[in-house]
Amino acid sequence: MQVRLTEAQNSLRAMEGERDYLKTELEKEQKVKEVLLSEKANLEQDLVVKTQKLTQVEDSLNRLEAQRTKLQEKVRSLTEEKAKLEEKLSTVENLKQAMIELKSKMFKVRAKPKSDPALEGNQGYILKDGTPTYPIKKKVNVIPLP
């Protein structure tokens, strides 16, 4: 009986040791799990932020590409216009004709009458707050008696 008791105590101590070991391992695993869960939450938040930044970058990229295509079209039209002008001004006769056209345009611009009253001025009258500052001449009408 004594032997069984000592064997039972020995097995009990071994089981308690194993239980303590398993407890510490469980606590370690729980701590690792908590760390991993917090890292997962941080990574999910980072993912949300990064996707928002990505959509903003994609939007700006699309806008820039649209601007680039517009600018390319503008450059293309300007190069075509430049080629036309170079072709037009490549010979002496064409250059003389362009000079004549330019002179006629300049004459038309100079010959335009002024239509803006602010440019014409007030014909020499001095006004302050919309009323003349010079003395007003009074007209006297004389009617002969019959």
C-alpha atoms as a PDB file:
ATOM      1  CA  MET A   1       0.000   0.000   0.000  1.00  0.00           C
ATOM      2  CA  GLN A   2       2.839   2.269   0.825  1.00  0.00           C
ATOM      3  CA  VAL A   3       4.257   1.677  -2.598  1.00  0.00           C
ATOM      4  CA  ARG A   4       0.986   2.506  -4.289  1.00  0.00           C
ATOM      5  CA  LEU A   5       0.686   5.648  -2.229  1.00  0.00           C
ATOM      6  CA  THR A   6       4.170   6.808  -3.209  1.00  0.00           C
ATOM      7  CA  GLU A   7       3.484   5.912  -6.832  1.00  0.00           C
ATOM      8  CA  ALA A   8       0.210   7.866  -6.692  1.00  0.00           C
ATOM      9  CA  GLN A   9       1.972  10.824  -5.090  1.00  0.00           C
ATOM     10  CA  ASN A  10       4.718  10.656  -7.704  1.00  0.00           C
ATOM     11  CA  SER A  11       2.195  10.514 -10.517  1.00  0.00           C
ATOM     12  CA  LEU A  12       0.237  13.354  -8.841  1.00  0.00           C
ATOM     13  CA  ARG A  13       3.413  15.495  -8.698  1.00  0.00           C
ATOM     14  CA  ALA A  14       4.167  14.658 -12.308  1.00  0.00           C
ATOM     15  CA  MET A  15       0.633  15.607 -13.328  1.00  0.00           C
ATOM     16  CA  GLU A  16       0.830  18.834 -11.302  1.00  0.00           C
ATOM     17  CA  GLY A  17       4.135  19.659 -12.974  1.00  0.00           C
ATOM     18  CA  GLU A  18       2.627  18.944 -16.352  1.00  0.00           C
ATOM     19  CA  ARG A  19      -0.424  21.028 -15.432  1.00  0.00           C
ATOM     20  CA  ASP A  20       1.799  23.958 -14.399  1.00  0.00           C
ATOM     21  CA  TYR A  21       3.788  23.611 -17.612  1.00  0.00           C
ATOM     22  CA  LEU A  22       0.586  23.520 -19.687  1.00  0.00           C
ATOM     23  CA  LYS A  23      -0.756  26.567 -17.785  1.00  0.00           C
ATOM     24  CA  THR A  24       2.351  28.576 -18.575  1.00  0.00           C
ATOM     25  CA  GLU A  25       2.202  27.457 -22.202  1.00  0.00           C
ATOM     26  CA  LEU A  26      -1.483  28.432 -22.348  1.00  0.00           C
ATOM     27  CA  GLU A  27      -0.710  31.884 -20.913  1.00  0.00           C
ATOM     28  CA  LYS A  28       2.095  32.340 -23.438  1.00  0.00           C
ATOM     29  CA  GLU A  29      -0.215  31.333 -26.280  1.00  0.00           C
ATOM     30  CA  GLN A  30      -2.923  33.715 -25.020  1.00  0.00           C
ATOM     31  CA  LYS A  31      -0.401  36.574 -24.923  1.00  0.00           C
ATOM     32  CA  VAL A  32       0.761  35.729 -28.436  1.00  0.00           C
ATOM     33  CA  LYS A  33      -2.872  35.585 -29.550  1.00  0.00           C
ATOM     34  CA  GLU A  34      -3.563  39.034 -28.036  1.00  0.00           C
ATOM     35  CA  VAL A  35      -0.493  40.466 -29.744  1.00  0.00           C
ATOM     36  CA  LEU A  36      -1.531  38.939 -33.044  1.00  0.00           C
ATOM     37  CA  LEU A  37      -5.090  40.270 -32.685  1.00  0.00           C
ATOM     38  CA  SER A  38      -3.823  43.788 -31.978  1.00  0.00           C
ATOM     39  CA  GLU A  39      -1.464  43.544 -34.966  1.00  0.00           C
ATOM     40  CA  LYS A  40      -4.365  42.333 -37.093  1.00  0.00           C
ATOM     41  CA  ALA A  41      -6.488  45.313 -36.023  1.00  0.00           C
ATOM     42  CA  ASN A  42      -3.614  47.704 -36.799  1.00  0.00           C
ATOM     43  CA  LEU A  43      -3.079  46.077 -40.174  1.00  0.00           C
ATOM     44  CA  GLU A  44      -6.788  46.331 -40.979  1.00  0.00           C
ATOM     45  CA  GLN A  45      -6.730  50.038 -40.126  1.00  0.00           C
ATOM     46  CA  ASP A  46      -3.617  50.482 -42.247  1.00  0.00           C
ATOM     47  CA  LEU A  47      -5.348  48.636 -45.069  1.00  0.00           C
ATOM     48  CA  VAL A  48      -8.325  50.990 -44.926  1.00  0.00           C
ATOM     49  CA  VAL A  49      -6.039  54.050 -44.940  1.00  0.00           C
ATOM     50  CA  LYS A  50      -3.941  52.667 -47.781  1.00  0.00           C
ATOM     51  CA  THR A  51      -7.010  51.860 -49.894  1.00  0.00           C
ATOM     52  CA  GLN A  52      -8.293  55.417 -49.394  1.00  0.00           C
ATOM     53  CA  LYS A  53      -4.919  56.818 -50.410  1.00  0.00           C
ATOM     54  CA  LEU A  54      -4.876  54.486 -53.386  1.00  0.00           C
ATOM     55  CA  THR A  55      -8.272  55.704 -54.576  1.00  0.00           C
ATOM     56  CA  GLN A  56      -7.116  59.318 -54.171  1.00  0.00           C
ATOM     57  CA  VAL A  57      -3.971  58.580 -56.150  1.00  0.00           C
ATOM     58  CA  GLU A  58      -5.989  56.826 -58.844  1.00  0.00           C
ATOM     59  CA  ASP A  59      -8.351  59.822 -59.071  1.00  0.00           C
ATOM     60  CA  SER A  60      -5.463  62.254 -59.374  1.00  0.00           C
ATOM     61  CA  LEU A  61      -3.840  59.954 -61.935  1.00  0.00           C
ATOM     62  CA  ASN A  62      -7.031  59.955 -64.003  1.00  0.00           C
ATOM     63  CA  ARG A  63      -7.242  63.758 -63.806  1.00  0.00           C
ATOM     64  CA  LEU A  64      -3.606  64.096 -64.801  1.00  0.00           C
ATOM     65  CA  GLU A  65      -4.063  61.719 -67.707  1.00  0.00           C
ATOM     66  CA  ALA A  66      -7.046  63.752 -68.894  1.00  0.00           C
ATOM     67  CA  GLN A  67      -4.974  66.935 -68.645  1.00  0.00           C
ATOM     68  CA  ARG A  68      -2.144  65.235 -70.490  1.00  0.00           C
ATOM     69  CA  THR A  69      -4.419  64.237 -73.348  1.00  0.00           C
ATOM     70  CA  LYS A  70      -5.804  67.782 -73.542  1.00  0.00           C
ATOM     71  CA  LEU A  71      -2.295  69.183 -73.610  1.00  0.00           C
ATOM     72  CA  GLN A  72      -1.259  66.681 -76.263  1.00  0.00           C
ATOM     73  CA  GLU A  73      -4.211  67.751 -78.405  1.00  0.00           C
ATOM     74  CA  LYS A  74      -3.259  71.390 -77.887  1.00  0.00           C
ATOM     75  CA  VAL A  75       0.360  70.689 -78.818  1.00  0.00           C
ATOM     76  CA  ARG A  76      -0.770  68.762 -81.876  1.00  0.00           C
ATOM     77  CA  SER A  77      -3.014  71.619 -83.033  1.00  0.00           C
ATOM     78  CA  LEU A  78      -0.271  74.168 -82.374  1.00  0.00           C
ATOM     79  CA  THR A  79       2.268  72.158 -84.337  1.00  0.00           C
ATOM     80  CA  GLU A  80      -0.202  71.916 -87.212  1.00  0.00           C
ATOM     81  CA  GLU A  81      -0.772  75.669 -87.041  1.00  0.00           C
ATOM     82  CA  LYS A  82       2.984  76.251 -86.934  1.00  0.00           C
ATOM     83  CA  ALA A  83       3.475  74.034 -89.978  1.00  0.00           C
ATOM     84  CA  LYS A  84       0.761  75.956 -91.833  1.00  0.00           C
ATOM     85  CA  LEU A  85       2.358  79.280 -90.929  1.00  0.00           C
ATOM     86  CA  GLU A  86       5.801  78.078 -91.929  1.00  0.00           C
ATOM     87  CA  GLU A  87       4.407  76.878 -95.232  1.00  0.00           C
ATOM     88  CA  LYS A  88       2.590  80.170 -95.720  1.00  0.00           C
ATOM     89  CA  LEU A  89       5.660  82.275 -94.930  1.00  0.00           C
ATOM     90  CA  SER A  90       8.190  80.111 -96.705  1.00  0.00           C
ATOM     91  CA  THR A  91       8.132  82.043 -99.992  1.00  0.00           C
ATOM     92  CA  VAL A  92       8.635  85.742-100.639  1.00  0.00           C
ATOM     93  CA  GLU A  93       5.256  86.153-102.346  1.00  0.00           C
ATOM     94  CA  ASN A  94       3.422  84.576 -99.423  1.00  0.00           C
ATOM     95  CA  LEU A  95       5.393  86.727 -96.988  1.00  0.00           C
ATOM     96  CA  LYS A  96       4.448  89.898 -98.897  1.00  0.00           C
ATOM     97  CA  GLN A  97       0.788  88.839 -98.891  1.00  0.00           C
ATOM     98  CA  ALA A  98       0.930  88.217 -95.118  1.00  0.00           C
ATOM     99  CA  MET A  99       2.433  91.677 -94.583  1.00  0.00           C
ATOM    100  CA  ILE A 100      -0.371  93.263 -96.624  1.00  0.00           C
ATOM    101  CA  GLU A 101      -2.996  91.392 -94.588  1.00  0.00           C
ATOM    102  CA  LEU A 102      -1.344  92.474 -91.347  1.00  0.00           C
ATOM    103  CA  LYS A 103      -1.284  96.133 -92.436  1.00  0.00           C
ATOM    104  CA  SER A 104      -4.965  95.995 -93.359  1.00  0.00           C
ATOM    105  CA  LYS A 105      -5.815  94.482 -89.986  1.00  0.00           C
ATOM    106  CA  MET A 106      -3.844  97.200 -88.206  1.00  0.00           C
ATOM    107  CA  PHE A 107      -5.669  99.900 -90.188  1.00  0.00           C
ATOM    108  CA  LYS A 108      -9.042  98.372 -89.304  1.00  0.00           C
ATOM    109  CA  VAL A 109      -8.119  98.315 -85.617  1.00  0.00           C
ATOM    110  CA  ARG A 110      -7.037 101.970 -85.693  1.00  0.00           C
ATOM    111  CA  ALA A 111     -10.099 103.028 -87.674  1.00  0.00           C
ATOM    112  CA  LYS A 112     -12.598 101.592 -85.189  1.00  0.00           C
ATOM    113  CA  PRO A 113     -14.581 104.348 -83.464  1.00  0.00           C
ATOM    114  CA  LYS A 114     -14.510 104.457 -79.712  1.00  0.00           C
ATOM    115  CA  SER A 115     -17.753 103.137 -78.385  1.00  0.00           C
ATOM    116  CA  ASP A 116     -16.967 103.159 -74.680  1.00  0.00           C
ATOM    117  CA  PRO A 117     -18.084 106.461 -73.086  1.00  0.00           C
ATOM    118  CA  ALA A 118     -15.596 105.999 -70.262  1.00  0.00           C
ATOM    119  CA  LEU A 119     -12.779 106.185 -72.789  1.00  0.00           C
ATOM    120  CA  GLU A 120     -14.185 109.338 -74.365  1.00  0.00           C
ATOM    121  CA  GLY A 121     -14.199 111.329 -71.135  1.00  0.00           C
ATOM    122  CA  ASN A 122     -16.636 114.075 -70.216  1.00  0.00           C
ATOM    123  CA  GLN A 123     -15.728 116.554 -72.992  1.00  0.00           C
ATOM    124  CA  GLY A 124     -13.837 118.880 -70.656  1.00  0.00           C
ATOM    125  CA  TYR A 125     -16.518 119.442 -68.040  1.00  0.00           C
ATOM    126  CA  ILE A 126     -15.461 119.197 -64.439  1.00  0.00           C
ATOM    127  CA  LEU A 127     -17.838 117.095 -62.387  1.00  0.00           C
ATOM    128  CA  LYS A 128     -17.886 116.178 -58.734  1.00  0.00           C
ATOM    129  CA  ASP A 129     -20.342 113.572 -57.512  1.00  0.00           C
ATOM    130  CA  GLY A 130     -22.299 113.946 -60.735  1.00  0.00           C
ATOM    131  CA  THR A 131     -22.860 117.702 -60.453  1.00  0.00           C
ATOM    132  CA  PRO A 132     -20.901 120.377 -62.319  1.00  0.00           C
ATOM    133  CA  THR A 133     -18.495 122.443 -60.234  1.00  0.00           C
ATOM    134  CA  TYR A 134     -18.395 125.501 -62.502  1.00  0.00           C
ATOM    135  CA  PRO A 135     -20.990 128.277 -62.083  1.00  0.00           C
ATOM    136  CA  ILE A 136     -24.225 127.716 -63.940  1.00  0.00           C
ATOM    137  CA  LYS A 137     -25.191 130.410 -66.447  1.00  0.00           C
ATOM    138  CA  LYS A 138     -28.710 131.604 -66.063  1.00  0.00           C
ATOM    139  CA  LYS A 139     -30.770 132.275 -69.124  1.00  0.00           C
ATOM    140  CA  VAL A 140     -33.069 135.211 -69.019  1.00  0.00           C
ATOM    141  CA  ASN A 141     -35.873 135.302 -71.526  1.00  0.00           C
ATOM    142  CA  VAL A 142     -37.120 138.820 -72.311  1.00  0.00           C
ATOM    143  CA  ILE A 143     -40.672 139.051 -73.557  1.00  0.00           C
ATOM    144  CA  PRO A 144     -41.688 142.429 -75.028  1.00  0.00           C
ATOM    145  CA  LEU A 145     -44.839 144.024 -73.659  1.00  0.00           C
ATOM    146  CA  PRO A 146     -47.621 144.581 -76.126  1.00  0.00           C
END
